[in-house]
C-alpha atoms as a PDB file:
ATOM      1  CA  MET A   1     -20.009  13.349  16.017  1.00  0.00           C
ATOM      2  CA  VAL A   2     -18.825  10.327  14.022  1.00  0.00           C
ATOM      3  CA  ASP A   3     -20.242   7.069  15.324  1.00  0.00           C
ATOM      4  CA  SER A   4     -17.940   4.403  16.754  1.00  0.00           C
ATOM      5  CA  ILE A   5     -18.581   1.001  15.212  1.00  0.00           C
ATOM      6  CA  VAL A   6     -16.421  -0.814  17.795  1.00  0.00           C
ATOM      7  CA  VAL A   7     -16.931   0.128  21.431  1.00  0.00           C
ATOM      8  CA  ALA A   8     -15.435  -1.328  24.614  1.00  0.00           C
ATOM      9  CA  GLU A   9     -16.170   0.158  28.024  1.00  0.00           C
ATOM     10  CA  GLY A  10     -14.591  -0.886  31.301  1.00  0.00           C
ATOM     11  CA  LEU A  11     -13.569  -4.365  30.169  1.00  0.00           C
ATOM     12  CA  HIS A  12     -12.120  -6.640  32.867  1.00  0.00           C
ATOM     13  CA  LYS A  13     -10.796 -10.143  32.297  1.00  0.00           C
ATOM     14  CA  ARG A  14      -8.920 -12.312  34.775  1.00  0.00           C
ATOM     15  CA  PHE A  15      -7.177 -15.638  34.229  1.00  0.00           C
ATOM     16  CA  GLY A  16      -6.533 -17.083  37.652  1.00  0.00           C
ATOM     17  CA  THR A  17      -4.407 -14.502  39.472  1.00  0.00           C
ATOM     18  CA  THR A  18      -3.543 -12.665  36.255  1.00  0.00           C
ATOM     19  CA  GLU A  19      -5.653  -9.622  35.440  1.00  0.00           C
ATOM     20  CA  ALA A  20      -5.377  -9.411  31.658  1.00  0.00           C
ATOM     21  CA  LEU A  21      -7.803  -6.498  31.222  1.00  0.00           C
ATOM     22  CA  ARG A  22      -8.270  -3.743  33.778  1.00  0.00           C
ATOM     23  CA  SER A  23     -11.089  -1.415  32.781  1.00  0.00           C
ATOM     24  CA  LEU A  24     -10.088  -1.233  29.133  1.00  0.00           C
ATOM     25  CA  ASP A  25     -11.904   1.379  27.023  1.00  0.00           C
ATOM     26  CA  LEU A  26     -11.728   1.496  23.236  1.00  0.00           C
ATOM     27  CA  ARG A  27     -13.620   3.241  20.453  1.00  0.00           C
ATOM     28  CA  VAL A  28     -13.032   2.730  16.749  1.00  0.00           C
ATOM     29  CA  THR A  29     -14.543   5.017  14.138  1.00  0.00           C
ATOM     30  CA  GLU A  30     -16.271   3.386  11.198  1.00  0.00           C
ATOM     31  CA  GLY A  31     -14.195   3.113   8.024  1.00  0.00           C
ATOM     32  CA  THR A  32     -10.814   3.588   9.743  1.00  0.00           C
ATOM     33  CA  VAL A  33      -7.836   1.518  10.844  1.00  0.00           C
ATOM     34  CA  CYS A  34      -7.232   1.361  14.594  1.00  0.00           C
ATOM     35  CA  GLY A  35      -3.780   0.100  15.520  1.00  0.00           C
ATOM     36  CA  VAL A  36      -3.627  -1.612  18.916  1.00  0.00           C
ATOM     37  CA  LEU A  37      -0.104  -1.554  20.350  1.00  0.00           C
ATOM     38  CA  GLY A  38       1.311  -2.721  23.642  1.00  0.00           C
ATOM     39  CA  PRO A  39       4.184  -4.619  25.254  1.00  0.00           C
ATOM     40  CA  ASN A  40       4.150  -8.334  25.930  1.00  0.00           C
ATOM     41  CA  GLY A  41       1.256  -9.247  28.198  1.00  0.00           C
ATOM     42  CA  ALA A  42      -0.438  -5.863  27.837  1.00  0.00           C
ATOM     43  CA  GLY A  43      -3.826  -7.386  26.994  1.00  0.00           C
ATOM     44  CA  LYS A  44      -4.077  -6.673  23.258  1.00  0.00           C
ATOM     45  CA  THR A  45      -5.059 -10.139  22.121  1.00  0.00           C
ATOM     46  CA  THR A  46      -7.343 -10.659  25.118  1.00  0.00           C
ATOM     47  CA  ALA A  47      -9.212  -7.496  24.142  1.00  0.00           C
ATOM     48  CA  VAL A  48      -9.539  -8.679  20.541  1.00  0.00           C
ATOM     49  CA  ARG A  49     -10.827 -12.070  21.661  1.00  0.00           C
ATOM     50  CA  VAL A  50     -13.491 -10.397  23.788  1.00  0.00           C
ATOM     51  CA  LEU A  51     -14.529  -8.182  20.876  1.00  0.00           C
ATOM     52  CA  CYS A  52     -14.683 -11.243  18.587  1.00  0.00           C
ATOM     53  CA  THR A  53     -16.912 -13.144  21.086  1.00  0.00           C
ATOM     54  CA  LEU A  54     -14.192 -15.727  21.767  1.00  0.00           C
ATOM     55  CA  LEU A  55     -13.958 -14.684  25.428  1.00  0.00           C
ATOM     56  CA  VAL A  56     -16.605 -13.401  27.824  1.00  0.00           C
ATOM     57  CA  PRO A  57     -15.475 -10.417  29.926  1.00  0.00           C
ATOM     58  CA  ASP A  58     -15.750 -10.586  33.707  1.00  0.00           C
ATOM     59  CA  GLN A  59     -16.965  -6.981  33.803  1.00  0.00           C
ATOM     60  CA  GLY A  60     -17.694  -4.184  31.369  1.00  0.00           C
ATOM     61  CA  SER A  61     -19.367  -4.208  27.987  1.00  0.00           C
ATOM     62  CA  ALA A  62     -18.465  -4.216  24.309  1.00  0.00           C
ATOM     63  CA  SER A  63     -20.385  -3.928  21.080  1.00  0.00           C
ATOM     64  CA  ILE A  64     -19.917  -4.106  17.334  1.00  0.00           C
ATOM     65  CA  ALA A  65     -22.234  -1.842  15.345  1.00  0.00           C
ATOM     66  CA  GLY A  66     -24.495  -1.645  18.378  1.00  0.00           C
ATOM     67  CA  ARG A  67     -24.674  -5.415  18.954  1.00  0.00           C
ATOM     68  CA  ASP A  68     -23.516  -6.588  22.379  1.00  0.00           C
ATOM     69  CA  VAL A  69     -20.694  -9.131  22.140  1.00  0.00           C
ATOM     70  CA  VAL A  70     -22.145 -11.198  25.002  1.00  0.00           C
ATOM     71  CA  ARG A  71     -25.916 -10.877  24.665  1.00  0.00           C
ATOM     72  CA  ASP A  72     -25.876 -11.010  20.846  1.00  0.00           C
ATOM     73  CA  ALA A  73     -22.746 -13.016  20.079  1.00  0.00           C
ATOM     74  CA  ASP A  74     -24.297 -14.663  17.014  1.00  0.00           C
ATOM     75  CA  GLY A  75     -25.252 -11.279  15.606  1.00  0.00           C
ATOM     76  CA  VAL A  76     -21.753  -9.938  16.204  1.00  0.00           C
ATOM     77  CA  ARG A  77     -20.140 -12.888  14.402  1.00  0.00           C
ATOM     78  CA  LYS A  78     -22.126 -12.014  11.285  1.00  0.00           C
ATOM     79  CA  LEU A  79     -20.536  -8.564  11.295  1.00  0.00           C
ATOM     80  CA  ILE A  80     -16.873  -9.427  11.795  1.00  0.00           C
ATOM     81  CA  GLY A  81     -13.959 -11.178  10.179  1.00  0.00           C
ATOM     82  CA  LEU A  82     -10.828 -12.374  11.986  1.00  0.00           C
ATOM     83  CA  ALA A  83      -7.384 -13.197  10.617  1.00  0.00           C
ATOM     84  CA  GLY A  84      -4.569 -14.185  12.939  1.00  0.00           C
ATOM     85  CA  GLN A  85      -0.809 -14.285  12.593  1.00  0.00           C
ATOM     86  CA  HIS A  86      -0.916 -17.966  11.577  1.00  0.00           C
ATOM     87  CA  ALA A  87      -2.691 -18.702   8.305  1.00  0.00           C
ATOM     88  CA  ALA A  88      -5.714 -20.957   8.873  1.00  0.00           C
ATOM     89  CA  VAL A  89      -5.955 -22.224   5.295  1.00  0.00           C
ATOM     90  CA  ASP A  90      -5.663 -25.875   4.233  1.00  0.00           C
ATOM     91  CA  GLU A  91      -2.418 -26.457   2.320  1.00  0.00           C
ATOM     92  CA  LYS A  92      -3.813 -29.639   0.725  1.00  0.00           C
ATOM     93  CA  LEU A  93      -6.430 -27.605  -1.145  1.00  0.00           C
ATOM     94  CA  THR A  94      -6.002 -25.012  -3.871  1.00  0.00           C
ATOM     95  CA  GLY A  95      -6.467 -21.347  -3.105  1.00  0.00           C
ATOM     96  CA  ARG A  96      -9.881 -21.317  -4.753  1.00  0.00           C
ATOM     97  CA  GLU A  97     -10.963 -24.511  -3.005  1.00  0.00           C
ATOM     98  CA  ASN A  98     -10.065 -22.971   0.333  1.00  0.00           C
ATOM     99  CA  LEU A  99     -12.216 -19.928  -0.313  1.00  0.00           C
ATOM    100  CA  VAL A 100     -15.150 -21.995  -1.571  1.00  0.00           C
ATOM    101  CA  MET A 101     -14.866 -24.155   1.541  1.00  0.00           C
ATOM    102  CA  PHE A 102     -15.014 -21.081   3.785  1.00  0.00           C
ATOM    103  CA  GLY A 103     -17.997 -19.830   1.824  1.00  0.00           C
ATOM    104  CA  ARG A 104     -19.838 -23.116   2.339  1.00  0.00           C
ATOM    105  CA  LEU A 105     -19.009 -23.002   6.062  1.00  0.00           C
ATOM    106  CA  TYR A 106     -20.683 -19.595   6.129  1.00  0.00           C
ATOM    107  CA  HIS A 107     -23.743 -21.150   4.433  1.00  0.00           C
ATOM    108  CA  LEU A 108     -23.417 -19.112   1.247  1.00  0.00           C
ATOM    109  CA  GLY A 109     -24.434 -22.018  -0.960  1.00  0.00           C
ATOM    110  CA  GLU A 110     -22.254 -23.642  -3.635  1.00  0.00           C
ATOM    111  CA  ARG A 111     -22.898 -21.171  -6.450  1.00  0.00           C
ATOM    112  CA  ARG A 112     -22.575 -18.069  -4.285  1.00  0.00           C
ATOM    113  CA  ALA A 113     -19.458 -19.441  -2.571  1.00  0.00           C
ATOM    114  CA  GLN A 114     -17.769 -20.027  -5.918  1.00  0.00           C
ATOM    115  CA  ALA A 115     -18.725 -16.596  -7.219  1.00  0.00           C
ATOM    116  CA  ARG A 116     -17.457 -14.912  -4.037  1.00  0.00           C
ATOM    117  CA  ALA A 117     -14.189 -16.879  -4.199  1.00  0.00           C
ATOM    118  CA  ASP A 118     -13.567 -15.777  -7.798  1.00  0.00           C
ATOM    119  CA  GLU A 119     -14.423 -12.182  -6.918  1.00  0.00           C
ATOM    120  CA  LEU A 120     -11.945 -12.068  -4.028  1.00  0.00           C
ATOM    121  CA  LEU A 121      -9.178 -13.853  -5.923  1.00  0.00           C
ATOM    122  CA  GLU A 122      -9.397 -11.281  -8.691  1.00  0.00           C
ATOM    123  CA  ARG A 123      -9.674  -8.335  -6.310  1.00  0.00           C
ATOM    124  CA  PHE A 124      -6.535  -9.311  -4.404  1.00  0.00           C
ATOM    125  CA  ASP A 125      -4.496 -10.441  -7.400  1.00  0.00           C
ATOM    126  CA  LEU A 126      -4.420 -14.159  -6.645  1.00  0.00           C
ATOM    127  CA  THR A 127      -6.268 -15.384  -9.736  1.00  0.00           C
ATOM    128  CA  ASP A 128      -3.124 -16.834 -11.334  1.00  0.00           C
ATOM    129  CA  ALA A 129      -2.439 -18.893  -8.197  1.00  0.00           C
ATOM    130  CA  ALA A 130      -6.066 -19.916  -7.606  1.00  0.00           C
ATOM    131  CA  GLY A 131      -5.641 -23.418  -9.015  1.00  0.00           C
ATOM    132  CA  ARG A 132      -2.380 -24.198  -7.219  1.00  0.00           C
ATOM    133  CA  LEU A 133      -2.154 -26.134  -3.975  1.00  0.00           C
ATOM    134  CA  VAL A 134      -1.592 -23.805  -1.028  1.00  0.00           C
ATOM    135  CA  ARG A 135       1.421 -25.853   0.072  1.00  0.00           C
ATOM    136  CA  GLY A 136       3.269 -24.238  -2.835  1.00  0.00           C
ATOM    137  CA  TYR A 137       2.351 -20.687  -1.830  1.00  0.00           C
ATOM    138  CA  SER A 138       4.872 -18.292  -0.329  1.00  0.00           C
ATOM    139  CA  GLY A 139       4.319 -17.088   3.230  1.00  0.00           C
ATOM    140  CA  GLY A 140       2.969 -13.780   1.969  1.00  0.00           C
ATOM    141  CA  MET A 141       0.542 -15.474  -0.431  1.00  0.00           C
ATOM    142  CA  ARG A 142      -0.757 -17.753   2.330  1.00  0.00           C
ATOM    143  CA  ARG A 143      -1.294 -14.773   4.598  1.00  0.00           C
ATOM    144  CA  ARG A 144      -3.121 -12.896   1.849  1.00  0.00           C
ATOM    145  CA  LEU A 145      -5.311 -15.936   1.183  1.00  0.00           C
ATOM    146  CA  ASP A 146      -6.078 -16.158   4.901  1.00  0.00           C
ATOM    147  CA  LEU A 147      -6.923 -12.462   4.912  1.00  0.00           C
ATOM    148  CA  ILE A 148      -9.369 -12.694   2.027  1.00  0.00           C
ATOM    149  CA  ALA A 149     -10.887 -15.873   3.515  1.00  0.00           C
ATOM    150  CA  SER A 150     -11.988 -13.674   6.430  1.00  0.00           C
ATOM    151  CA  LEU A 151     -13.783 -11.469   3.894  1.00  0.00           C
ATOM    152  CA  ILE A 152     -16.003 -14.156   2.387  1.00  0.00           C
ATOM    153  CA  THR A 153     -19.112 -12.603   3.936  1.00  0.00           C
ATOM    154  CA  ALA A 154     -17.927  -8.999   3.336  1.00  0.00           C
ATOM    155  CA  PRO A 155     -17.890  -8.117   7.072  1.00  0.00           C
ATOM    156  CA  PRO A 156     -17.981  -4.426   7.958  1.00  0.00           C
ATOM    157  CA  VAL A 157     -15.400  -4.972  10.721  1.00  0.00           C
ATOM    158  CA  LEU A 158     -12.178  -6.940  10.308  1.00  0.00           C
ATOM    159  CA  PHE A 159      -9.832  -7.884  13.156  1.00  0.00           C
ATOM    160  CA  LEU A 160      -6.222  -8.536  12.133  1.00  0.00           C
ATOM    161  CA  ASP A 161      -4.029 -10.026  14.855  1.00  0.00           C
ATOM    162  CA  GLU A 162      -0.413  -9.389  13.834  1.00  0.00           C
ATOM    163  CA  PRO A 163      -1.064 -10.240  10.167  1.00  0.00           C
ATOM    164  CA  THR A 164       2.490  -9.645   8.906  1.00  0.00           C
ATOM    165  CA  THR A 165       4.552 -11.293  11.650  1.00  0.00           C
ATOM    166  CA  GLY A 166       7.498 -13.136  10.112  1.00  0.00           C
ATOM    167  CA  LEU A 167       6.877 -11.937   6.562  1.00  0.00           C
ATOM    168  CA  ASP A 168       9.536 -10.458   4.287  1.00  0.00           C
ATOM    169  CA  PRO A 169       9.273  -6.743   3.345  1.00  0.00           C
ATOM    170  CA  ARG A 170       7.663  -7.444  -0.037  1.00  0.00           C
ATOM    171  CA  SER A 171       4.952  -9.642   1.498  1.00  0.00           C
ATOM    172  CA  ARG A 172       4.329  -7.073   4.227  1.00  0.00           C
ATOM    173  CA  ASN A 173       3.801  -4.412   1.570  1.00  0.00           C
ATOM    174  CA  GLU A 174       1.314  -6.682  -0.203  1.00  0.00           C
ATOM    175  CA  ILE A 175      -0.682  -7.115   3.013  1.00  0.00           C
ATOM    176  CA  TRP A 176      -0.549  -3.357   3.648  1.00  0.00           C
ATOM    177  CA  SER A 177      -1.901  -2.689   0.157  1.00  0.00           C
ATOM    178  CA  SER A 178      -4.733  -5.150   0.791  1.00  0.00           C
ATOM    179  CA  VAL A 179      -5.624  -3.442   4.067  1.00  0.00           C
ATOM    180  CA  ARG A 180      -5.638  -0.005   2.437  1.00  0.00           C
ATOM    181  CA  GLU A 181      -7.920  -1.315  -0.321  1.00  0.00           C
ATOM    182  CA  LEU A 182     -10.327  -2.733   2.258  1.00  0.00           C
ATOM    183  CA  VAL A 183     -10.515   0.516   4.185  1.00  0.00           C
ATOM    184  CA  ALA A 184     -11.017   2.472   0.954  1.00  0.00           C
ATOM    185  CA  GLY A 185     -14.038   0.243   0.379  1.00  0.00           C
ATOM    186  CA  GLY A 186     -15.488   1.105   3.792  1.00  0.00           C
ATOM    187  CA  THR A 187     -14.220  -1.749   5.973  1.00  0.00           C
ATOM    188  CA  THR A 188     -13.243  -0.926   9.549  1.00  0.00           C
ATOM    189  CA  VAL A 189      -9.987  -2.612  10.608  1.00  0.00           C
ATOM    190  CA  VAL A 190      -8.723  -3.282  14.119  1.00  0.00           C
ATOM    191  CA  LEU A 191      -5.051  -4.181  13.803  1.00  0.00           C
ATOM    192  CA  THR A 192      -2.749  -5.544  16.483  1.00  0.00           C
ATOM    193  CA  THR A 193       0.870  -5.464  15.432  1.00  0.00           C
ATOM    194  CA  GLN A 194       4.387  -5.789  16.808  1.00  0.00           C
ATOM    195  CA  TYR A 195       5.714  -3.503  14.063  1.00  0.00           C
ATOM    196  CA  LEU A 196       5.457   0.163  14.943  1.00  0.00           C
ATOM    197  CA  ASP A 197       6.180   1.220  11.373  1.00  0.00           C
ATOM    198  CA  GLU A 198       3.164  -0.834  10.326  1.00  0.00           C
ATOM    199  CA  ALA A 199       0.901   1.047  12.716  1.00  0.00           C
ATOM    200  CA  ASP A 200       2.452   4.331  11.630  1.00  0.00           C
ATOM    201  CA  ARG A 201       1.748   3.643   7.948  1.00  0.00           C
ATOM    202  CA  LEU A 202      -1.697   2.060   8.238  1.00  0.00           C
ATOM    203  CA  ALA A 203      -3.469   3.348  11.341  1.00  0.00           C
ATOM    204  CA  ASP A 204      -5.711   6.394  11.444  1.00  0.00           C
ATOM    205  CA  ASP A 205      -5.717   6.085  15.229  1.00  0.00           C
ATOM    206  CA  ILE A 206      -3.556   4.158  17.664  1.00  0.00           C
ATOM    207  CA  ALA A 207      -4.558   2.758  21.042  1.00  0.00           C
ATOM    208  CA  VAL A 208      -1.572   2.011  23.274  1.00  0.00           C
ATOM    209  CA  VAL A 209      -2.418  -0.758  25.742  1.00  0.00           C
ATOM    210  CA  ASP A 210      -0.394  -1.421  28.894  1.00  0.00           C
ATOM    211  CA  HIS A 211      -1.275  -3.469  31.969  1.00  0.00           C
ATOM    212  CA  GLY A 212      -4.746  -4.214  30.644  1.00  0.00           C
ATOM    213  CA  ARG A 213      -5.921  -0.688  29.866  1.00  0.00           C
ATOM    214  CA  VAL A 214      -5.614   1.879  27.101  1.00  0.00           C
ATOM    215  CA  ILE A 215      -3.121   4.493  28.317  1.00  0.00           C
ATOM    216  CA  ALA A 216      -3.170   6.655  25.172  1.00  0.00           C
ATOM    217  CA  SER A 217      -5.364   6.883  22.094  1.00  0.00           C
ATOM    218  CA  ASP A 218      -4.952   9.302  19.212  1.00  0.00           C
ATOM    219  CA  SER A 219      -3.632   9.653  15.681  1.00  0.00           C
ATOM    220  CA  PRO A 220       0.065   8.794  15.139  1.00  0.00           C
ATOM    221  CA  GLU A 221       0.778  12.448  14.415  1.00  0.00           C
ATOM    222  CA  ARG A 222      -0.806  13.684  17.623  1.00  0.00           C
ATOM    223  CA  LEU A 223       0.879  11.020  19.726  1.00  0.00           C
ATOM    224  CA  LYS A 224       4.231  12.103  18.305  1.00  0.00           C
ATOM    225  CA  ALA A 225       3.403  15.741  18.982  1.00  0.00           C
ATOM    226  CA  VAL A 226       3.168  14.955  22.709  1.00  0.00           C
ATOM    227  CA  ILE A 227       6.896  14.208  22.696  1.00  0.00           C
ATOM    228  CA  GLY A 228       7.790  16.980  20.280  1.00  0.00           C
ATOM    229  CA  SER A 229      10.591  17.275  17.763  1.00  0.00           C
ATOM    230  CA  ARG A 230      14.301  17.050  18.480  1.00  0.00           C
ATOM    231  CA  LEU A 231      17.093  19.265  17.244  1.00  0.00           C
ATOM    232  CA  ASP A 232      20.281  17.319  16.489  1.00  0.00           C
ATOM    233  CA  VAL A 233      23.625  19.001  15.986  1.00  0.00           C
ATOM    234  CA  VAL A 234      26.668  17.016  14.893  1.00  0.00           C
ATOM    235  CA  VAL A 235      29.982  18.744  15.660  1.00  0.00           C
ATOM    236  CA  SER A 236      33.420  17.979  14.261  1.00  0.00           C
ATOM    237  CA  THR A 237      35.088  17.040  17.574  1.00  0.00           C
ATOM    238  CA  VAL A 238      33.962  16.169  21.089  1.00  0.00           C
ATOM    239  CA  ASP A 239      35.701  19.325  22.274  1.00  0.00           C
ATOM    240  CA  ASP A 240      32.892  21.326  20.645  1.00  0.00           C
ATOM    241  CA  THR A 241      30.079  19.489  22.458  1.00  0.00           C
ATOM    242  CA  PRO A 242      30.001  21.696  25.620  1.00  0.00           C
ATOM    243  CA  ALA A 243      29.599  24.884  23.590  1.00  0.00           C
ATOM    244  CA  ALA A 244      27.036  23.234  21.315  1.00  0.00           C
ATOM    245  CA  ALA A 245      25.076  21.954  24.308  1.00  0.00           C
ATOM    246  CA  ALA A 246      25.018  25.393  25.888  1.00  0.00           C
ATOM    247  CA  ALA A 247      23.809  26.935  22.622  1.00  0.00           C
ATOM    248  CA  LEU A 248      21.064  24.330  22.244  1.00  0.00           C
ATOM    249  CA  ALA A 249      19.939  24.870  25.835  1.00  0.00           C
ATOM    250  CA  ARG A 250      19.579  28.601  25.182  1.00  0.00           C
ATOM    251  CA  LEU A 251      17.788  27.991  21.912  1.00  0.00           C
ATOM    252  CA  THR A 252      15.317  25.319  23.029  1.00  0.00           C
ATOM    253  CA  GLY A 253      14.983  25.908  26.751  1.00  0.00           C
ATOM    254  CA  ASN A 254      15.613  22.191  27.336  1.00  0.00           C
ATOM    255  CA  GLU A 255      18.555  20.206  28.688  1.00  0.00           C
ATOM    256  CA  PRO A 256      20.517  18.687  25.789  1.00  0.00           C
ATOM    257  CA  THR A 257      21.922  15.173  25.651  1.00  0.00           C
ATOM    258  CA  VAL A 258      25.342  14.306  24.250  1.00  0.00           C
ATOM    259  CA  ASP A 259      26.191  11.108  22.383  1.00  0.00           C
ATOM    260  CA  GLY A 260      29.706  11.220  20.976  1.00  0.00           C
ATOM    261  CA  THR A 261      29.788  14.224  18.665  1.00  0.00           C
ATOM    262  CA  THR A 262      25.990  14.514  18.455  1.00  0.00           C
ATOM    263  CA  VAL A 263      24.197  16.978  20.709  1.00  0.00           C
ATOM    264  CA  SER A 264      20.388  16.776  20.883  1.00  0.00           C
ATOM    265  CA  ALA A 265      17.644  18.742  22.592  1.00  0.00           C
ATOM    266  CA  ALA A 266      13.874  18.416  22.637  1.00  0.00           C
ATOM    267  CA  VAL A 267      11.856  21.134  20.934  1.00  0.00           C
ATOM    268  CA  HIS A 268       8.481  21.610  22.582  1.00  0.00           C
ATOM    269  CA  GLU A 269       6.973  25.021  23.029  1.00  0.00           C
ATOM    270  CA  ARG A 270       9.526  27.153  21.204  1.00  0.00           C
ATOM    271  CA  ALA A 271       9.455  27.410  17.421  1.00  0.00           C
ATOM    272  CA  VAL A 272      12.978  26.659  16.229  1.00  0.00           C
ATOM    273  CA  SER A 273      14.055  26.704  12.604  1.00  0.00           C
ATOM    274  CA  LEU A 274      17.169  25.149  11.132  1.00  0.00           C
ATOM    275  CA  LEU A 275      18.390  28.577  10.065  1.00  0.00           C
ATOM    276  CA  THR A 276      18.092  29.880  13.622  1.00  0.00           C
ATOM    277  CA  ALA A 277      19.972  26.830  14.921  1.00  0.00           C
ATOM    278  CA  VAL A 278      22.809  27.296  12.431  1.00  0.00           C
ATOM    279  CA  ARG A 279      23.123  30.978  13.380  1.00  0.00           C
ATOM    280  CA  GLU A 280      23.180  30.050  17.073  1.00  0.00           C
ATOM    281  CA  MET A 281      26.015  27.579  16.455  1.00  0.00           C
ATOM    282  CA  ASP A 282      27.964  30.193  14.488  1.00  0.00           C
ATOM    283  CA  ALA A 283      27.498  32.745  17.253  1.00  0.00           C
ATOM    284  CA  ALA A 284      28.814  30.210  19.771  1.00  0.00           C
ATOM    285  CA  GLY A 285      31.856  29.502  17.606  1.00  0.00           C
ATOM    286  CA  VAL A 286      30.794  25.908  16.992  1.00  0.00           C
ATOM    287  CA  ALA A 287      31.714  24.203  13.728  1.00  0.00           C
ATOM    288  CA  ALA A 288      28.587  22.157  13.013  1.00  0.00           C
ATOM    289  CA  VAL A 289      28.952  19.276  10.582  1.00  0.00           C
ATOM    290  CA  ASP A 290      25.196  18.726  10.412  1.00  0.00           C
ATOM    291  CA  VAL A 291      22.066  20.296  11.886  1.00  0.00           C
ATOM    292  CA  ALA A 292      18.728  18.484  11.658  1.00  0.00           C
ATOM    293  CA  LEU A 293      15.239  18.959  13.064  1.00  0.00           C
ATOM    294  CA  ARG A 294      13.896  15.453  13.597  1.00  0.00           C
ATOM    295  CA  GLU A 295      10.321  14.327  14.204  1.00  0.00           C
ATOM    296  CA  PRO A 296       9.930  11.663  16.907  1.00  0.00           C
ATOM    297  CA  SER A 297       9.354   8.083  15.854  1.00  0.00           C
ATOM    298  CA  LEU A 298       6.469   5.974  17.047  1.00  0.00           C
ATOM    299  CA  ASP A 299       9.079   3.853  18.820  1.00  0.00           C
ATOM    300  CA  GLU A 300       9.973   6.853  20.992  1.00  0.00           C
ATOM    301  CA  VAL A 301       6.308   7.493  21.724  1.00  0.00           C
ATOM    302  CA  PHE A 302       5.909   3.850  22.703  1.00  0.00           C
ATOM    303  CA  LEU A 303       8.903   4.009  25.044  1.00  0.00           C
ATOM    304  CA  ALA A 304       7.736   7.266  26.614  1.00  0.00           C
ATOM    305  CA  LEU A 305       4.242   5.900  27.265  1.00  0.00           C
ATOM    306  CA  THR A 306       5.060   2.372  28.444  1.00  0.00           C
ATOM    307  CA  GLY A 307       8.610   2.655  29.729  1.00  0.00           C
ATOM    308  CA  LYS A 308       9.508  -0.345  27.560  1.00  0.00           C
ATOM    309  CA  PRO A 309      11.306  -0.360  24.205  1.00  0.00           C
ATOM    310  CA  ALA A 310       9.393  -1.521  21.174  1.00  0.00           C
ATOM    311  CA  GLU A 311      11.836  -4.411  20.713  1.00  0.00           C
ATOM    312  CA  GLU A 312      10.293  -6.111  23.744  1.00  0.00           C
ATOM    313  CA  GLU A 313       6.835  -6.186  22.146  1.00  0.00           C
ATOM    314  CA  VAL A 314       5.624  -9.570  20.963  1.00  0.00           C
ATOM    315  CA  ALA A 315       2.247 -11.185  20.577  1.00  0.00           C
ATOM    316  CA  ALA A 316       0.222 -10.512  23.700  1.00  0.00           C
END
């Protein structure tokens, strides 16, 4: 069995009358990306703050690489890096000066801090901008600088709290590439995000958090498989929808839905091919404009699990 480098068991945390965490359990395998998703107020950020030693849980336990986040908080801090959704770099300094400053704060020593700064700037393609003041950086460059600042001590575990919020698509892709490079080098990443496509592209496993507990945890593919695929048939006129719906019901064993000229049905236990669907439509005398077998999106999984659309999710 593969060891879990991040472990949370039965975490409880209350703020006044608000119970932010209610027996939250989480395990993250070493060298993977764990995406933590959940609607507003679900407890995602509270859980991350407990794991990063910024909050003490009321009940339960958590550890990083076997070190307890409460009893050995100092030891845990030596093993982790944390980058939030707001860059914590100083815009009055250059990119290199920022990294050297972080290195000195981590007691690396002047020479080692400078060497580590140069190493990270080259690794993440910021060498050309190293001597420029951060105030002139784009949002994506600032976020990347903030990300690599959290790597000054080469921590085995990195927590990213919504690292691409507000960034343009190009900058998001740059951050994604950086995360993939880190994981390829053995870093374990715990990622909270409000973008489901981000979790789908980056995460090896996803933990869906709602009302202070993890309600589902698995790979994106397996979470989607719980919902199953959908068979969509587009007909030429609405007059054809009743016959198409009846044919889909026979074919899939599920009740179809109708939206305009599109008829859809879930495909769970029965194996249905596009060829079989087309033949079924022909046999029913239905003129199908398009027939498609569609995999569920992570948004649909999110809605099915939490009862809330992904659009409602913000930093929590």
